[in-house]
């Protein structure tokens, strides 16, 4: 299994857990949790594939990836601890998912002959739009639009790092791993230090 596949599957599983935890926070039943988990895990990648013209989109006929969504939802369902204890967990799983899907989205786009700027845009879309759709389902303000949040910004920054590293002819696996770590670290650091974007 390639590094890209590993990152993609990890991203699906992590984002499925994030979506299921989010559904629990909004008092949904297990079916609602499954829908939100699916949207979180697949929303960004589906939009990317539609924009690029990949047919069928990434999750169609991929039974393994679908099982990861069910597994993530089931694990969340079995954890009956008070949801208030999971707010921090949701943040960290979301941060990890952002890093994984930013790297995967850019790599998929480059392999489909997009140039660097558009591959970067597709990486940000892959990482953020699943969470946006899930937040809309939960009738919540999406993280993407929260005032000052470094959300899509950290994905873009990590994507730039990834594209710059490609110029040094390093192994692709190193570039992907570096992008993931950079996005996750920057997301956590910006949240802890309350670094915010200026108002328009």
C-alpha atoms as a PDB file:
ATOM      1  CA  UNK A   1       0.000   0.000   0.000  1.00  0.00           C
ATOM      2  CA  UNK A   2       1.390   3.400  -0.994  1.00  0.00           C
ATOM      3  CA  UNK A   3       1.898   6.321   1.392  1.00  0.00           C
ATOM      4  CA  UNK A   4      -0.908   8.179  -0.391  1.00  0.00           C
ATOM      5  CA  UNK A   5      -3.337   5.317   0.256  1.00  0.00           C
ATOM      6  CA  UNK A   6      -2.315   5.098   3.907  1.00  0.00           C
ATOM      7  CA  UNK A   7      -2.791   8.846   4.395  1.00  0.00           C
ATOM      8  CA  UNK A   8      -6.152   8.772   2.609  1.00  0.00           C
ATOM      9  CA  UNK A   9      -7.508   5.864   4.655  1.00  0.00           C
ATOM     10  CA  UNK A  10      -6.252   7.366   7.910  1.00  0.00           C
ATOM     11  CA  UNK A  11      -7.891  10.652   6.969  1.00  0.00           C
ATOM     12  CA  UNK A  12     -11.211   8.953   6.257  1.00  0.00           C
ATOM     13  CA  UNK A  13     -11.137   7.106   9.589  1.00  0.00           C
ATOM     14  CA  UNK A  14     -10.103  10.168  11.615  1.00  0.00           C
ATOM     15  CA  UNK A  15     -12.655  12.443   9.963  1.00  0.00           C
ATOM     16  CA  UNK A  16     -15.383   9.803  10.413  1.00  0.00           C
ATOM     17  CA  UNK A  17     -14.680   9.832  14.152  1.00  0.00           C
ATOM     18  CA  UNK A  18     -14.674  13.638  14.117  1.00  0.00           C
ATOM     19  CA  UNK A  19     -18.045  13.705  12.364  1.00  0.00           C
ATOM     20  CA  UNK A  20     -19.583  11.115  14.676  1.00  0.00           C
ATOM     21  CA  UNK A  21     -18.377  12.988  17.762  1.00  0.00           C
ATOM     22  CA  UNK A  22     -19.812  16.182  16.317  1.00  0.00           C
ATOM     23  CA  UNK A  23     -23.154  14.438  15.773  1.00  0.00           C
ATOM     24  CA  UNK A  24     -23.119  13.295  19.402  1.00  0.00           C
ATOM     25  CA  UNK A  25     -22.464  16.866  20.524  1.00  0.00           C
ATOM     26  CA  UNK A  26     -25.708  17.830  18.737  1.00  0.00           C
ATOM     27  CA  UNK A  27     -27.703  14.922  20.220  1.00  0.00           C
ATOM     28  CA  UNK A  28     -28.220  12.974  16.986  1.00  0.00           C
ATOM     29  CA  UNK A  29     -29.119   9.305  16.817  1.00  0.00           C
ATOM     30  CA  UNK A  30     -26.772   6.721  15.302  1.00  0.00           C
ATOM     31  CA  UNK A  31     -28.165   7.188  11.787  1.00  0.00           C
ATOM     32  CA  UNK A  32     -27.621  10.936  11.977  1.00  0.00           C
ATOM     33  CA  UNK A  33     -24.144  10.245  13.300  1.00  0.00           C
ATOM     34  CA  UNK A  34     -23.404   8.001  10.340  1.00  0.00           C
ATOM     35  CA  UNK A  35     -24.582  10.650   7.881  1.00  0.00           C
ATOM     36  CA  UNK A  36     -22.441  13.357   9.505  1.00  0.00           C
ATOM     37  CA  UNK A  37     -19.461  10.984   9.700  1.00  0.00           C
ATOM     38  CA  UNK A  38     -19.833  10.151   6.007  1.00  0.00           C
ATOM     39  CA  UNK A  39     -20.116  13.833   5.047  1.00  0.00           C
ATOM     40  CA  UNK A  40     -17.043  14.748   7.085  1.00  0.00           C
ATOM     41  CA  UNK A  41     -14.963  11.890   5.681  1.00  0.00           C
ATOM     42  CA  UNK A  42     -16.001  12.168   2.037  1.00  0.00           C
ATOM     43  CA  UNK A  43     -17.364  15.670   1.410  1.00  0.00           C
ATOM     44  CA  UNK A  44     -14.105  17.407   0.516  1.00  0.00           C
ATOM     45  CA  UNK A  45     -12.703  14.569  -1.566  1.00  0.00           C
ATOM     46  CA  UNK A  46     -15.960  14.210  -3.473  1.00  0.00           C
ATOM     47  CA  UNK A  47     -16.025  17.910  -4.373  1.00  0.00           C
ATOM     48  CA  UNK A  48     -12.365  17.734  -5.437  1.00  0.00           C
ATOM     49  CA  UNK A  49     -13.018  14.759  -7.705  1.00  0.00           C
ATOM     50  CA  UNK A  50     -16.051  16.442  -9.280  1.00  0.00           C
ATOM     51  CA  UNK A  51     -14.062  19.614  -9.969  1.00  0.00           C
ATOM     52  CA  UNK A  52     -11.106  17.714 -11.414  1.00  0.00           C
ATOM     53  CA  UNK A  53     -13.283  15.341 -13.422  1.00  0.00           C
ATOM     54  CA  UNK A  54     -12.356  12.055 -11.715  1.00  0.00           C
ATOM     55  CA  UNK A  55     -15.016   9.428 -12.401  1.00  0.00           C
ATOM     56  CA  UNK A  56     -16.228   7.671 -10.381  1.00  0.00           C
ATOM     57  CA  UNK A  57     -15.495   9.765  -7.290  1.00  0.00           C
ATOM     58  CA  UNK A  58     -13.094   8.308  -4.745  1.00  0.00           C
ATOM     59  CA  UNK A  59     -15.544   6.484  -2.457  1.00  0.00           C
ATOM     60  CA  UNK A  60     -17.639   4.711  -5.090  1.00  0.00           C
ATOM     61  CA  UNK A  61     -16.954   0.936  -5.040  1.00  0.00           C
ATOM     62  CA  UNK A  62     -14.361   1.385  -2.283  1.00  0.00           C
ATOM     63  CA  UNK A  63     -15.747  -0.986   0.330  1.00  0.00           C
ATOM     64  CA  UNK A  64     -12.684  -0.703   2.561  1.00  0.00           C
ATOM     65  CA  UNK A  65     -13.027   3.067   2.907  1.00  0.00           C
ATOM     66  CA  UNK A  66     -16.754   2.729   3.577  1.00  0.00           C
ATOM     67  CA  UNK A  67     -16.041   0.230   6.347  1.00  0.00           C
ATOM     68  CA  UNK A  68     -13.716   2.774   7.954  1.00  0.00           C
ATOM     69  CA  UNK A  69     -16.622   5.233   8.196  1.00  0.00           C
ATOM     70  CA  UNK A  70     -18.788   2.577   9.845  1.00  0.00           C
ATOM     71  CA  UNK A  71     -15.928   1.641  12.173  1.00  0.00           C
ATOM     72  CA  UNK A  72     -15.311   5.244  13.204  1.00  0.00           C
ATOM     73  CA  UNK A  73     -19.019   5.745  13.898  1.00  0.00           C
ATOM     74  CA  UNK A  74     -19.262   2.466  15.828  1.00  0.00           C
ATOM     75  CA  UNK A  75     -16.270   3.335  18.016  1.00  0.00           C
ATOM     76  CA  UNK A  76     -17.828   6.691  18.844  1.00  0.00           C
ATOM     77  CA  UNK A  77     -21.175   5.021  19.598  1.00  0.00           C
ATOM     78  CA  UNK A  78     -19.502   2.602  22.014  1.00  0.00           C
ATOM     79  CA  UNK A  79     -17.771   5.426  23.897  1.00  0.00           C
ATOM     80  CA  UNK A  80     -20.565   6.525  26.207  1.00  0.00           C
ATOM     81  CA  UNK A  81     -18.567   9.119  28.130  1.00  0.00           C
ATOM     82  CA  UNK A  82     -20.120  12.569  28.513  1.00  0.00           C
ATOM     83  CA  UNK A  83     -19.709  14.498  25.259  1.00  0.00           C
ATOM     84  CA  UNK A  84     -18.297  17.519  27.093  1.00  0.00           C
ATOM     85  CA  UNK A  85     -15.110  15.517  27.585  1.00  0.00           C
ATOM     86  CA  UNK A  86     -14.803  15.098  23.823  1.00  0.00           C
ATOM     87  CA  UNK A  87     -14.609  18.733  22.734  1.00  0.00           C
ATOM     88  CA  UNK A  88     -10.825  18.624  22.912  1.00  0.00           C
ATOM     89  CA  UNK A  89     -10.815  15.243  21.159  1.00  0.00           C
ATOM     90  CA  UNK A  90     -12.910  16.665  18.318  1.00  0.00           C
ATOM     91  CA  UNK A  91     -10.413  19.491  17.888  1.00  0.00           C
ATOM     92  CA  UNK A  92      -7.395  17.178  17.759  1.00  0.00           C
ATOM     93  CA  UNK A  93      -8.984  14.621  15.417  1.00  0.00           C
ATOM     94  CA  UNK A  94     -10.086  17.463  13.161  1.00  0.00           C
ATOM     95  CA  UNK A  95      -6.554  18.902  13.134  1.00  0.00           C
ATOM     96  CA  UNK A  96      -5.080  15.516  12.198  1.00  0.00           C
ATOM     97  CA  UNK A  97      -7.689  15.064   9.492  1.00  0.00           C
ATOM     98  CA  UNK A  98      -6.866  18.493   8.059  1.00  0.00           C
ATOM     99  CA  UNK A  99      -3.214  17.536   7.724  1.00  0.00           C
ATOM    100  CA  UNK A 100      -3.899  14.135   6.182  1.00  0.00           C
ATOM    101  CA  UNK A 101      -6.426  15.390   3.650  1.00  0.00           C
ATOM    102  CA  UNK A 102      -4.419  18.465   2.663  1.00  0.00           C
ATOM    103  CA  UNK A 103      -1.497  16.247   1.678  1.00  0.00           C
ATOM    104  CA  UNK A 104      -3.704  13.652  -0.017  1.00  0.00           C
ATOM    105  CA  UNK A 105      -5.737  16.267  -1.913  1.00  0.00           C
ATOM    106  CA  UNK A 106      -2.666  17.966  -3.338  1.00  0.00           C
ATOM    107  CA  UNK A 107      -1.028  14.686  -4.338  1.00  0.00           C
ATOM    108  CA  UNK A 108      -4.173  13.389  -6.073  1.00  0.00           C
ATOM    109  CA  UNK A 109      -4.524  16.694  -7.919  1.00  0.00           C
ATOM    110  CA  UNK A 110      -0.897  16.681  -9.087  1.00  0.00           C
ATOM    111  CA  UNK A 111      -1.284  13.110 -10.331  1.00  0.00           C
ATOM    112  CA  UNK A 112      -4.239  14.311 -12.401  1.00  0.00           C
ATOM    113  CA  UNK A 113      -2.107  16.970 -14.146  1.00  0.00           C
ATOM    114  CA  UNK A 114      -3.236  20.055 -12.226  1.00  0.00           C
ATOM    115  CA  UNK A 115      -0.630  22.763 -11.872  1.00  0.00           C
ATOM    116  CA  UNK A 116       0.725  23.709  -8.448  1.00  0.00           C
ATOM    117  CA  UNK A 117      -1.622  26.621  -7.576  1.00  0.00           C
ATOM    118  CA  UNK A 118      -4.764  24.671  -8.453  1.00  0.00           C
ATOM    119  CA  UNK A 119      -3.456  21.555  -6.710  1.00  0.00           C
ATOM    120  CA  UNK A 120      -3.032  23.711  -3.601  1.00  0.00           C
ATOM    121  CA  UNK A 121      -6.630  24.918  -3.867  1.00  0.00           C
ATOM    122  CA  UNK A 122      -7.831  21.323  -4.263  1.00  0.00           C
ATOM    123  CA  UNK A 123      -5.835  20.313  -1.194  1.00  0.00           C
ATOM    124  CA  UNK A 124      -7.560  22.984   0.889  1.00  0.00           C
ATOM    125  CA  UNK A 125     -10.980  21.966  -0.468  1.00  0.00           C
ATOM    126  CA  UNK A 126     -10.307  18.290   0.262  1.00  0.00           C
ATOM    127  CA  UNK A 127      -9.350  19.089   3.850  1.00  0.00           C
ATOM    128  CA  UNK A 128     -12.035  21.615   4.774  1.00  0.00           C
ATOM    129  CA  UNK A 129     -15.247  21.101   2.834  1.00  0.00           C
ATOM    130  CA  UNK A 130     -16.238  17.825   4.495  1.00  0.00           C
ATOM    131  CA  UNK A 131     -16.243  19.587   7.858  1.00  0.00           C
ATOM    132  CA  UNK A 132     -18.132  22.510   6.350  1.00  0.00           C
ATOM    133  CA  UNK A 133     -20.884  20.206   5.069  1.00  0.00           C
ATOM    134  CA  UNK A 134     -21.028  18.381   8.412  1.00  0.00           C
ATOM    135  CA  UNK A 135     -21.359  21.673  10.319  1.00  0.00           C
ATOM    136  CA  UNK A 136     -24.200  22.709   8.019  1.00  0.00           C
ATOM    137  CA  UNK A 137     -25.946  19.390   8.747  1.00  0.00           C
ATOM    138  CA  UNK A 138     -25.510  20.141  12.474  1.00  0.00           C
ATOM    139  CA  UNK A 139     -26.847  23.699  12.017  1.00  0.00           C
ATOM    140  CA  UNK A 140     -23.557  25.048  13.402  1.00  0.00           C
ATOM    141  CA  UNK A 141     -21.231  27.820  12.223  1.00  0.00           C
ATOM    142  CA  UNK A 142     -18.571  26.008  10.137  1.00  0.00           C
ATOM    143  CA  UNK A 143     -15.004  26.221  11.432  1.00  0.00           C
ATOM    144  CA  UNK A 144     -14.098  27.494   7.976  1.00  0.00           C
ATOM    145  CA  UNK A 145     -16.113  30.665   8.630  1.00  0.00           C
ATOM    146  CA  UNK A 146     -15.447  31.258  12.307  1.00  0.00           C
ATOM    147  CA  UNK A 147     -13.989  34.677  12.966  1.00  0.00           C
ATOM    148  CA  UNK A 148     -10.196  34.643  12.927  1.00  0.00           C
ATOM    149  CA  UNK A 149      -9.785  30.861  12.946  1.00  0.00           C
ATOM    150  CA  UNK A 150      -6.629  29.636  11.215  1.00  0.00           C
ATOM    151  CA  UNK A 151      -8.400  26.717   9.558  1.00  0.00           C
ATOM    152  CA  UNK A 152      -8.131  26.741   5.788  1.00  0.00           C
ATOM    153  CA  UNK A 153      -5.105  28.991   6.299  1.00  0.00           C
ATOM    154  CA  UNK A 154      -3.084  26.228   7.957  1.00  0.00           C
ATOM    155  CA  UNK A 155      -4.001  23.856   5.120  1.00  0.00           C
ATOM    156  CA  UNK A 156      -2.793  26.381   2.551  1.00  0.00           C
ATOM    157  CA  UNK A 157       0.438  26.946   4.493  1.00  0.00           C
ATOM    158  CA  UNK A 158       1.089  23.205   4.720  1.00  0.00           C
ATOM    159  CA  UNK A 159       0.327  22.832   1.048  1.00  0.00           C
ATOM    160  CA  UNK A 160       2.864  25.508   0.158  1.00  0.00           C
ATOM    161  CA  UNK A 161       5.469  23.654   2.241  1.00  0.00           C
ATOM    162  CA  UNK A 162       4.651  20.449   0.366  1.00  0.00           C
ATOM    163  CA  UNK A 163       4.977  22.085  -3.047  1.00  0.00           C
ATOM    164  CA  UNK A 164       8.252  23.760  -2.074  1.00  0.00           C
ATOM    165  CA  UNK A 165       9.694  20.450  -0.885  1.00  0.00           C
ATOM    166  CA  UNK A 166       8.879  18.908  -4.265  1.00  0.00           C
ATOM    167  CA  UNK A 167      11.427  21.276  -5.777  1.00  0.00           C
ATOM    168  CA  UNK A 168      14.185  19.611  -3.763  1.00  0.00           C
ATOM    169  CA  UNK A 169      13.443  16.193  -5.322  1.00  0.00           C
ATOM    170  CA  UNK A 170      12.912  14.569  -1.929  1.00  0.00           C
ATOM    171  CA  UNK A 171      11.030  11.254  -1.747  1.00  0.00           C
ATOM    172  CA  UNK A 172       7.277  11.795  -2.027  1.00  0.00           C
ATOM    173  CA  UNK A 173       6.665  10.001   1.280  1.00  0.00           C
ATOM    174  CA  UNK A 174       8.809  12.567   3.127  1.00  0.00           C
ATOM    175  CA  UNK A 175       6.974  15.457   1.480  1.00  0.00           C
ATOM    176  CA  UNK A 176       3.584  14.000   2.408  1.00  0.00           C
ATOM    177  CA  UNK A 177       4.578  13.326   6.022  1.00  0.00           C
ATOM    178  CA  UNK A 178       6.095  16.787   6.419  1.00  0.00           C
ATOM    179  CA  UNK A 179       2.929  18.421   5.079  1.00  0.00           C
ATOM    180  CA  UNK A 180       0.742  16.456   7.511  1.00  0.00           C
ATOM    181  CA  UNK A 181       2.911  17.264  10.540  1.00  0.00           C
ATOM    182  CA  UNK A 182       3.191  20.947   9.579  1.00  0.00           C
ATOM    183  CA  UNK A 183      -0.578  21.419   9.182  1.00  0.00           C
ATOM    184  CA  UNK A 184      -1.408  19.624  12.445  1.00  0.00           C
ATOM    185  CA  UNK A 185       1.286  21.462  14.412  1.00  0.00           C
ATOM    186  CA  UNK A 186       0.316  24.873  13.026  1.00  0.00           C
ATOM    187  CA  UNK A 187      -3.392  24.288  13.704  1.00  0.00           C
ATOM    188  CA  UNK A 188      -2.733  23.307  17.321  1.00  0.00           C
ATOM    189  CA  UNK A 189      -0.199  26.089  17.881  1.00  0.00           C
ATOM    190  CA  UNK A 190      -2.464  28.789  16.422  1.00  0.00           C
ATOM    191  CA  UNK A 191      -5.361  27.644  18.598  1.00  0.00           C
ATOM    192  CA  UNK A 192      -3.304  27.554  21.787  1.00  0.00           C
ATOM    193  CA  UNK A 193      -1.674  30.919  21.141  1.00  0.00           C
ATOM    194  CA  UNK A 194      -4.963  32.415  19.902  1.00  0.00           C
ATOM    195  CA  UNK A 195      -3.381  33.524  16.635  1.00  0.00           C
ATOM    196  CA  UNK A 196      -6.130  34.965  14.481  1.00  0.00           C
ATOM    197  CA  UNK A 197      -6.581  36.489  11.065  1.00  0.00           C
ATOM    198  CA  UNK A 198      -7.396  40.220  10.942  1.00  0.00           C
ATOM    199  CA  UNK A 199     -10.974  41.302  10.291  1.00  0.00           C
ATOM    200  CA  UNK A 200     -11.906  42.421   6.779  1.00  0.00           C
END
